[in-house]
PDB file of N, CA and C in Angstrom:
ATOM      1  N   MET A   1      71.266   3.357 -65.945  1.00  0.00           N
ATOM      2  CA  MET A   1      70.167   3.535 -66.878  1.00  0.00           C
ATOM      3  C   MET A   1      70.665   3.181 -68.276  1.00  0.00           C
ATOM      4  N   VAL A   2      69.833   2.541 -69.039  1.00  0.00           N
ATOM      5  CA  VAL A   2      70.165   2.129 -70.397  1.00  0.00           C
ATOM      6  C   VAL A   2      69.604   3.155 -71.375  1.00  0.00           C
ATOM      7  N   GLN A   3      70.401   3.489 -72.356  1.00  0.00           N
ATOM      8  CA  GLN A   3      69.915   4.376 -73.414  1.00  0.00           C
ATOM      9  C   GLN A   3      69.695   3.532 -74.659  1.00  0.00           C
ATOM     10  N   ALA A   4      68.619   3.835 -75.376  1.00  0.00           N
ATOM     11  CA  ALA A   4      68.305   3.079 -76.583  1.00  0.00           C
ATOM     12  C   ALA A   4      67.788   4.023 -77.657  1.00  0.00           C
ATOM     13  N   MET A   5      68.203   3.770 -78.858  1.00  0.00           N
ATOM     14  CA  MET A   5      67.693   4.526 -79.994  1.00  0.00           C
ATOM     15  C   MET A   5      66.626   3.643 -80.634  1.00  0.00           C
ATOM     16  N   ILE A   6      65.396   4.139 -80.736  1.00  0.00           N
ATOM     17  CA  ILE A   6      64.301   3.315 -81.249  1.00  0.00           C
ATOM     18  C   ILE A   6      63.642   3.988 -82.436  1.00  0.00           C
ATOM     19  N   ASN A   7      63.018   3.171 -83.259  1.00  0.00           N
ATOM     20  CA  ASN A   7      62.223   3.663 -84.377  1.00  0.00           C
ATOM     21  C   ASN A   7      60.761   3.366 -84.063  1.00  0.00           C
ATOM     22  N   ILE A   8      59.931   4.393 -84.069  1.00  0.00           N
ATOM     23  CA  ILE A   8      58.502   4.209 -83.824  1.00  0.00           C
ATOM     24  C   ILE A   8      57.722   4.910 -84.921  1.00  0.00           C
ATOM     25  N   THR A   9      56.482   4.500 -85.076  1.00  0.00           N
ATOM     26  CA  THR A   9      55.638   5.122 -86.097  1.00  0.00           C
ATOM     27  C   THR A   9      55.188   6.499 -85.629  1.00  0.00           C
ATOM     28  N   ASP A  10      54.666   7.273 -86.560  1.00  0.00           N
ATOM     29  CA  ASP A  10      54.140   8.598 -86.206  1.00  0.00           C
ATOM     30  C   ASP A  10      53.004   8.474 -85.202  1.00  0.00           C
ATOM     31  N   ARG A  11      52.175   7.463 -85.377  1.00  0.00           N
ATOM     32  CA  ARG A  11      51.050   7.263 -84.450  1.00  0.00           C
ATOM     33  C   ARG A  11      51.554   6.967 -83.040  1.00  0.00           C
ATOM     34  N   SER A  12      52.552   6.088 -82.923  1.00  0.00           N
ATOM     35  CA  SER A  12      53.118   5.784 -81.602  1.00  0.00           C
ATOM     36  C   SER A  12      53.736   7.023 -80.982  1.00  0.00           C
ATOM     37  N   ASN A  13      54.359   7.834 -81.787  1.00  0.00           N
ATOM     38  CA  ASN A  13      54.951   9.084 -81.314  1.00  0.00           C
ATOM     39  C   ASN A  13      53.866  10.006 -80.754  1.00  0.00           C
ATOM     40  N   ARG A  14      52.735  10.085 -81.462  1.00  0.00           N
ATOM     41  CA  ARG A  14      51.625  10.929 -80.987  1.00  0.00           C
ATOM     42  C   ARG A  14      51.046  10.377 -79.682  1.00  0.00           C
ATOM     43  N   VAL A  15      50.935   9.063 -79.598  1.00  0.00           N
ATOM     44  CA  VAL A  15      50.419   8.450 -78.375  1.00  0.00           C
ATOM     45  C   VAL A  15      51.347   8.776 -77.204  1.00  0.00           C
ATOM     46  N   LEU A  16      52.647   8.646 -77.413  1.00  0.00           N
ATOM     47  CA  LEU A  16      53.595   8.977 -76.343  1.00  0.00           C
ATOM     48  C   LEU A  16      53.475  10.447 -75.933  1.00  0.00           C
ATOM     49  N   ASN A  17      53.265  11.333 -76.907  1.00  0.00           N
ATOM     50  CA  ASN A  17      53.078  12.746 -76.587  1.00  0.00           C
ATOM     51  C   ASN A  17      51.820  12.973 -75.755  1.00  0.00           C
ATOM     52  N   VAL A  18      50.757  12.252 -76.080  1.00  0.00           N
ATOM     53  CA  VAL A  18      49.506  12.371 -75.314  1.00  0.00           C
ATOM     54  C   VAL A  18      49.718  11.875 -73.886  1.00  0.00           C
ATOM     55  N   ILE A  19      50.371  10.729 -73.735  1.00  0.00           N
ATOM     56  CA  ILE A  19      50.648  10.184 -72.395  1.00  0.00           C
ATOM     57  C   ILE A  19      51.518  11.162 -71.610  1.00  0.00           C
ATOM     58  N   LYS A  20      52.524  11.694 -72.272  1.00  0.00           N
ATOM     59  CA  LYS A  20      53.425  12.656 -71.637  1.00  0.00           C
ATOM     60  C   LYS A  20      52.652  13.864 -71.122  1.00  0.00           C
ATOM     61  N   ALA A  21      51.769  14.404 -71.954  1.00  0.00           N
ATOM     62  CA  ALA A  21      50.994  15.583 -71.569  1.00  0.00           C
ATOM     63  C   ALA A  21      49.955  15.242 -70.496  1.00  0.00           C
ATOM     64  N   LYS A  22      49.280  14.125 -70.650  1.00  0.00           N
ATOM     65  CA  LYS A  22      48.212  13.755 -69.720  1.00  0.00           C
ATOM     66  C   LYS A  22      48.730  13.560 -68.302  1.00  0.00           C
ATOM     67  N   TYR A  23      49.902  12.949 -68.164  1.00  0.00           N
ATOM     68  CA  TYR A  23      50.426  12.641 -66.842  1.00  0.00           C
ATOM     69  C   TYR A  23      51.528  13.605 -66.387  1.00  0.00           C
ATOM     70  N   GLY A  24      51.757  14.668 -67.169  1.00  0.00           N
ATOM     71  CA  GLY A  24      52.733  15.689 -66.777  1.00  0.00           C
ATOM     72  C   GLY A  24      54.155  15.161 -66.695  1.00  0.00           C
ATOM     73  N   LEU A  25      54.509  14.305 -67.616  1.00  0.00           N
ATOM     74  CA  LEU A  25      55.849  13.721 -67.617  1.00  0.00           C
ATOM     75  C   LEU A  25      56.839  14.659 -68.307  1.00  0.00           C
ATOM     76  N   LYS A  26      58.115  14.537 -67.961  1.00  0.00           N
ATOM     77  CA  LYS A  26      59.140  15.436 -68.501  1.00  0.00           C
ATOM     78  C   LYS A  26      59.459  15.154 -69.966  1.00  0.00           C
ATOM     79  N   ASP A  27      59.538  13.865 -70.301  1.00  0.00           N
ATOM     80  CA  ASP A  27      59.930  13.527 -71.665  1.00  0.00           C
ATOM     81  C   ASP A  27      59.324  12.191 -72.091  1.00  0.00           C
ATOM     82  N   LYS A  28      59.605  11.823 -73.328  1.00  0.00           N
ATOM     83  CA  LYS A  28      59.037  10.580 -73.857  1.00  0.00           C
ATOM     84  C   LYS A  28      59.626   9.356 -73.176  1.00  0.00           C
ATOM     85  N   SER A  29      60.833   9.477 -72.657  1.00  0.00           N
ATOM     86  CA  SER A  29      61.424   8.350 -71.928  1.00  0.00           C
ATOM     87  C   SER A  29      60.556   7.975 -70.733  1.00  0.00           C
ATOM     88  N   GLU A  30      60.061   8.969 -70.018  1.00  0.00           N
ATOM     89  CA  GLU A  30      59.177   8.701 -68.884  1.00  0.00           C
ATOM     90  C   GLU A  30      57.857   8.100 -69.351  1.00  0.00           C
ATOM     91  N   ALA A  31      57.368   8.551 -70.495  1.00  0.00           N
ATOM     92  CA  ALA A  31      56.135   7.992 -71.051  1.00  0.00           C
ATOM     93  C   ALA A  31      56.331   6.526 -71.416  1.00  0.00           C
ATOM     94  N   ILE A  32      57.447   6.205 -72.034  1.00  0.00           N
ATOM     95  CA  ILE A  32      57.738   4.808 -72.382  1.00  0.00           C
ATOM     96  C   ILE A  32      57.864   3.978 -71.116  1.00  0.00           C
ATOM     97  N   GLU A  33      58.558   4.509 -70.109  1.00  0.00           N
ATOM     98  CA  GLU A  33      58.714   3.798 -68.836  1.00  0.00           C
ATOM     99  C   GLU A  33      57.365   3.510 -68.201  1.00  0.00           C
ATOM    100  N   MET A  34      56.442   4.463 -68.272  1.00  0.00           N
ATOM    101  CA  MET A  34      55.105   4.289 -67.714  1.00  0.00           C
ATOM    102  C   MET A  34      54.337   3.197 -68.457  1.00  0.00           C
ATOM    103  N   VAL A  35      54.403   3.223 -69.772  1.00  0.00           N
ATOM    104  CA  VAL A  35      53.705   2.218 -70.584  1.00  0.00           C
ATOM    105  C   VAL A  35      54.255   0.825 -70.284  1.00  0.00           C
ATOM    106  N   VAL A  36      55.568   0.695 -70.206  1.00  0.00           N
ATOM    107  CA  VAL A  36      56.190  -0.595 -69.928  1.00  0.00           C
ATOM    108  C   VAL A  36      55.813  -1.074 -68.529  1.00  0.00           C
ATOM    109  N   SER A  37      55.809  -0.169 -67.572  1.00  0.00           N
ATOM    110  CA  SER A  37      55.452  -0.516 -66.199  1.00  0.00           C
ATOM    111  C   SER A  37      54.017  -1.036 -66.124  1.00  0.00           C
ATOM    112  N   ARG A  38      53.111  -0.365 -66.796  1.00  0.00           N
ATOM    113  CA  ARG A  38      51.706  -0.816 -66.796  1.00  0.00           C
ATOM    114  C   ARG A  38      51.563  -2.159 -67.498  1.00  0.00           C
ATOM    115  N   TYR A  39      52.287  -2.340 -68.581  1.00  0.00           N
ATOM    116  CA  TYR A  39      52.247  -3.625 -69.283  1.00  0.00           C
ATOM    117  C   TYR A  39      52.712  -4.731 -68.354  1.00  0.00           C
ATOM    118  N   GLN A  40      53.807  -4.472 -67.646  1.00  0.00           N
ATOM    119  CA  GLN A  40      54.344  -5.466 -66.722  1.00  0.00           C
ATOM    120  C   GLN A  40      53.323  -5.819 -65.659  1.00  0.00           C
ATOM    121  N   THR A  41      52.679  -4.828 -65.103  1.00  0.00           N
ATOM    122  CA  THR A  41      51.712  -5.047 -64.036  1.00  0.00           C
ATOM    123  C   THR A  41      50.490  -5.813 -64.513  1.00  0.00           C
ATOM    124  N   GLU A  42      50.002  -5.491 -65.687  1.00  0.00           N
ATOM    125  CA  GLU A  42      48.735  -6.044 -66.147  1.00  0.00           C
ATOM    126  C   GLU A  42      48.849  -7.315 -66.972  1.00  0.00           C
ATOM    127  N   PHE A  43      49.953  -7.484 -67.691  1.00  0.00           N
ATOM    128  CA  PHE A  43      49.988  -8.575 -68.653  1.00  0.00           C
ATOM    129  C   PHE A  43      51.009  -9.668 -68.383  1.00  0.00           C
ATOM    130  N   LEU A  44      52.103  -9.364 -67.705  1.00  0.00           N
ATOM    131  CA  LEU A  44      53.077 -10.407 -67.434  1.00  0.00           C
ATOM    132  C   LEU A  44      52.546 -11.322 -66.355  1.00  0.00           C
ATOM    133  N   GLU A  45      52.908 -12.555 -66.420  1.00  0.00           N
ATOM    134  CA  GLU A  45      52.461 -13.506 -65.419  1.00  0.00           C
ATOM    135  C   GLU A  45      53.073 -13.136 -64.079  1.00  0.00           C
ATOM    136  N   PRO A  46      52.305 -13.276 -62.999  1.00  0.00           N
ATOM    137  CA  PRO A  46      52.788 -12.813 -61.702  1.00  0.00           C
ATOM    138  C   PRO A  46      54.100 -13.465 -61.265  1.00  0.00           C
ATOM    139  N   GLU A  47      54.327 -14.711 -61.637  1.00  0.00           N
ATOM    140  CA  GLU A  47      55.555 -15.358 -61.193  1.00  0.00           C
ATOM    141  C   GLU A  47      56.802 -14.770 -61.849  1.00  0.00           C
ATOM    142  N   LEU A  48      56.629 -13.941 -62.853  1.00  0.00           N
ATOM    143  CA  LEU A  48      57.774 -13.305 -63.494  1.00  0.00           C
ATOM    144  C   LEU A  48      58.120 -11.966 -62.845  1.00  0.00           C
ATOM    145  N   ARG A  49      57.239 -11.443 -62.037  1.00  0.00           N
ATOM    146  CA  ARG A  49      57.473 -10.139 -61.429  1.00  0.00           C
ATOM    147  C   ARG A  49      58.277 -10.283 -60.142  1.00  0.00           C
ATOM    148  N   PRO A  50      59.231  -9.401 -59.915  1.00  0.00           N
ATOM    149  CA  PRO A  50      60.042  -9.461 -58.694  1.00  0.00           C
ATOM    150  C   PRO A  50      59.195  -9.333 -57.424  1.00  0.00           C
ATOM    151  N   GLU A  51      58.109  -8.551 -57.468  1.00  0.00           N
ATOM    152  CA  GLU A  51      57.252  -8.389 -56.296  1.00  0.00           C
ATOM    153  C   GLU A  51      56.641  -9.732 -55.889  1.00  0.00           C
ATOM    154  N   TYR A  52      56.291 -10.537 -56.873  1.00  0.00           N
ATOM    155  CA  TYR A  52      55.693 -11.843 -56.606  1.00  0.00           C
ATOM    156  C   TYR A  52      56.699 -12.754 -55.908  1.00  0.00           C
ATOM    157  N   ILE A  53      57.923 -12.735 -56.376  1.00  0.00           N
ATOM    158  CA  ILE A  53      58.966 -13.569 -55.779  1.00  0.00           C
ATOM    159  C   ILE A  53      59.195 -13.167 -54.324  1.00  0.00           C
ATOM    160  N   GLU A  54      59.249 -11.858 -54.051  1.00  0.00           N
ATOM    161  CA  GLU A  54      59.417 -11.376 -52.680  1.00  0.00           C
ATOM    162  C   GLU A  54      58.242 -11.806 -51.802  1.00  0.00           C
ATOM    163  N   LYS A  55      57.045 -11.724 -52.341  1.00  0.00           N
ATOM    164  CA  LYS A  55      55.854 -12.123 -51.587  1.00  0.00           C
ATOM    165  C   LYS A  55      55.918 -13.602 -51.232  1.00  0.00           C
ATOM    166  N   MET A  56      56.341 -14.430 -52.175  1.00  0.00           N
ATOM    167  CA  MET A  56      56.441 -15.861 -51.927  1.00  0.00           C
ATOM    168  C   MET A  56      57.503 -16.169 -50.871  1.00  0.00           C
ATOM    169  N   LYS A  57      58.608 -15.425 -50.892  1.00  0.00           N
ATOM    170  CA  LYS A  57      59.655 -15.629 -49.883  1.00  0.00           C
ATOM    171  C   LYS A  57      59.131 -15.313 -48.490  1.00  0.00           C
ATOM    172  N   LYS A  58      58.326 -14.256 -48.357  1.00  0.00           N
ATOM    173  CA  LYS A  58      57.756 -13.894 -47.065  1.00  0.00           C
ATOM    174  C   LYS A  58      56.781 -14.967 -46.590  1.00  0.00           C
ATOM    175  N   ILE A  59      56.000 -15.510 -47.509  1.00  0.00           N
ATOM    176  CA  ILE A  59      55.038 -16.556 -47.147  1.00  0.00           C
ATOM    177  C   ILE A  59      55.774 -17.811 -46.688  1.00  0.00           C
ATOM    178  N   GLU A  60      56.869 -18.156 -47.374  1.00  0.00           N
ATOM    179  CA  GLU A  60      57.631 -19.351 -47.014  1.00  0.00           C
ATOM    180  C   GLU A  60      58.208 -19.269 -45.606  1.00  0.00           C
ATOM    181  N   LYS A  61      58.474 -18.055 -45.117  1.00  0.00           N
ATOM    182  CA  LYS A  61      59.032 -17.877 -43.783  1.00  0.00           C
ATOM    183  C   LYS A  61      57.986 -18.067 -42.692  1.00  0.00           C
ATOM    184  N   GLY A  62      56.724 -18.145 -43.067  1.00  0.00           N
ATOM    185  CA  GLY A  62      55.636 -18.270 -42.103  1.00  0.00           C
ATOM    186  C   GLY A  62      55.623 -19.629 -41.409  1.00  0.00           C
ATOM    187  N   LYS A  63      54.720 -19.783 -40.474  1.00  0.00           N
ATOM    188  CA  LYS A  63      54.592 -21.033 -39.738  1.00  0.00           C
ATOM    189  C   LYS A  63      53.582 -21.937 -40.448  1.00  0.00           C
ATOM    190  N   PHE A  64      53.992 -23.169 -40.670  1.00  0.00           N
ATOM    191  CA  PHE A  64      53.135 -24.122 -41.358  1.00  0.00           C
ATOM    192  C   PHE A  64      52.996 -25.384 -40.521  1.00  0.00           C
ATOM    193  N   HIS A  65      51.917 -26.060 -40.735  1.00  0.00           N
ATOM    194  CA  HIS A  65      51.669 -27.313 -40.040  1.00  0.00           C
ATOM    195  C   HIS A  65      51.310 -28.358 -41.086  1.00  0.00           C
ATOM    196  N   ALA A  66      51.999 -29.484 -41.039  1.00  0.00           N
ATOM    197  CA  ALA A  66      51.719 -30.559 -41.988  1.00  0.00           C
ATOM    198  C   ALA A  66      50.654 -31.482 -41.398  1.00  0.00           C
ATOM    199  N   TYR A  67      49.721 -31.891 -42.223  1.00  0.00           N
ATOM    200  CA  TYR A  67      48.652 -32.795 -41.807  1.00  0.00           C
ATOM    201  C   TYR A  67      48.833 -34.133 -42.509  1.00  0.00           C
ATOM    202  N   GLU A  68      48.511 -35.199 -41.783  1.00  0.00           N
ATOM    203  CA  GLU A  68      48.651 -36.533 -42.360  1.00  0.00           C
ATOM    204  C   GLU A  68      47.524 -36.841 -43.333  1.00  0.00           C
ATOM    205  N   SER A  69      46.376 -36.174 -43.122  1.00  0.00           N
ATOM    206  CA  SER A  69      45.236 -36.453 -43.989  1.00  0.00           C
ATOM    207  C   SER A  69      44.282 -35.264 -43.967  1.00  0.00           C
ATOM    208  N   VAL A  70      43.356 -35.301 -44.877  1.00  0.00           N
ATOM    209  CA  VAL A  70      42.321 -34.274 -44.918  1.00  0.00           C
ATOM    210  C   VAL A  70      41.448 -34.381 -43.673  1.00  0.00           C
ATOM    211  N   LYS A  71      41.265 -35.585 -43.208  1.00  0.00           N
ATOM    212  CA  LYS A  71      40.458 -35.813 -42.005  1.00  0.00           C
ATOM    213  C   LYS A  71      41.077 -35.090 -40.806  1.00  0.00           C
ATOM    214  N   ALA A  72      42.389 -35.161 -40.660  1.00  0.00           N
ATOM    215  CA  ALA A  72      43.069 -34.489 -39.548  1.00  0.00           C
ATOM    216  C   ALA A  72      42.905 -32.976 -39.652  1.00  0.00           C
ATOM    217  N   LEU A  73      43.024 -32.457 -40.837  1.00  0.00           N
ATOM    218  CA  LEU A  73      42.819 -31.015 -41.047  1.00  0.00           C
ATOM    219  C   LEU A  73      41.384 -30.640 -40.708  1.00  0.00           C
ATOM    220  N   ARG A  74      40.440 -31.418 -41.185  1.00  0.00           N
ATOM    221  CA  ARG A  74      39.020 -31.135 -40.937  1.00  0.00           C
ATOM    222  C   ARG A  74      38.722 -31.119 -39.441  1.00  0.00           C
ATOM    223  N   GLU A  75      39.284 -32.097 -38.720  1.00  0.00           N
ATOM    224  CA  GLU A  75      39.061 -32.149 -37.267  1.00  0.00           C
ATOM    225  C   GLU A  75      39.616 -30.908 -36.573  1.00  0.00           C
ATOM    226  N   GLU A  76      40.791 -30.482 -36.986  1.00  0.00           N
ATOM    227  CA  GLU A  76      41.368 -29.293 -36.360  1.00  0.00           C
ATOM    228  C   GLU A  76      40.525 -28.043 -36.668  1.00  0.00           C
ATOM    229  N   LEU A  77      40.054 -27.934 -37.879  1.00  0.00           N
ATOM    230  CA  LEU A  77      39.225 -26.785 -38.243  1.00  0.00           C
ATOM    231  C   LEU A  77      37.904 -26.783 -37.487  1.00  0.00           C
ATOM    232  N   GLU A  78      37.316 -27.941 -37.334  1.00  0.00           N
ATOM    233  CA  GLU A  78      36.033 -28.040 -36.613  1.00  0.00           C
ATOM    234  C   GLU A  78      36.186 -27.731 -35.134  1.00  0.00           C
ATOM    235  N   ASN A  79      37.354 -28.024 -34.579  1.00  0.00           N
ATOM    236  CA  ASN A  79      37.590 -27.789 -33.156  1.00  0.00           C
ATOM    237  C   ASN A  79      38.307 -26.471 -32.878  1.00  0.00           C
ATOM    238  N   ALA A  80      38.527 -25.682 -33.887  1.00  0.00           N
ATOM    239  CA  ALA A  80      39.231 -24.407 -33.710  1.00  0.00           C
ATOM    240  C   ALA A  80      38.374 -23.436 -32.916  1.00  0.00           C
ATOM    241  N   LYS A  81      39.031 -22.668 -32.077  1.00  0.00           N
ATOM    242  CA  LYS A  81      38.339 -21.648 -31.284  1.00  0.00           C
ATOM    243  C   LYS A  81      38.584 -20.303 -31.936  1.00  0.00           C
ATOM    244  N   TYR A  82      37.546 -19.541 -32.149  1.00  0.00           N
ATOM    245  CA  TYR A  82      37.673 -18.264 -32.836  1.00  0.00           C
ATOM    246  C   TYR A  82      37.759 -17.143 -31.864  1.00  0.00           C
TER     247      TYR A  82
END
């Protein structure tokens, strides 16, 4: 775990206290961790997230079929049995 000494405004401090109280967190470190986690989930591009990379690796392991043309794909789809 990394320790950091940070400077925040009084307003940010109050916001962290509200988050801490609302979610029953032990300390402001947990509140900061929660805020960062939500930011990562909602705002970072998916290709930057480790979960996305793992998902892509699982997809790559799947079975794929190469088609010579769109026509060949279309024929297979039209003749597929459900």
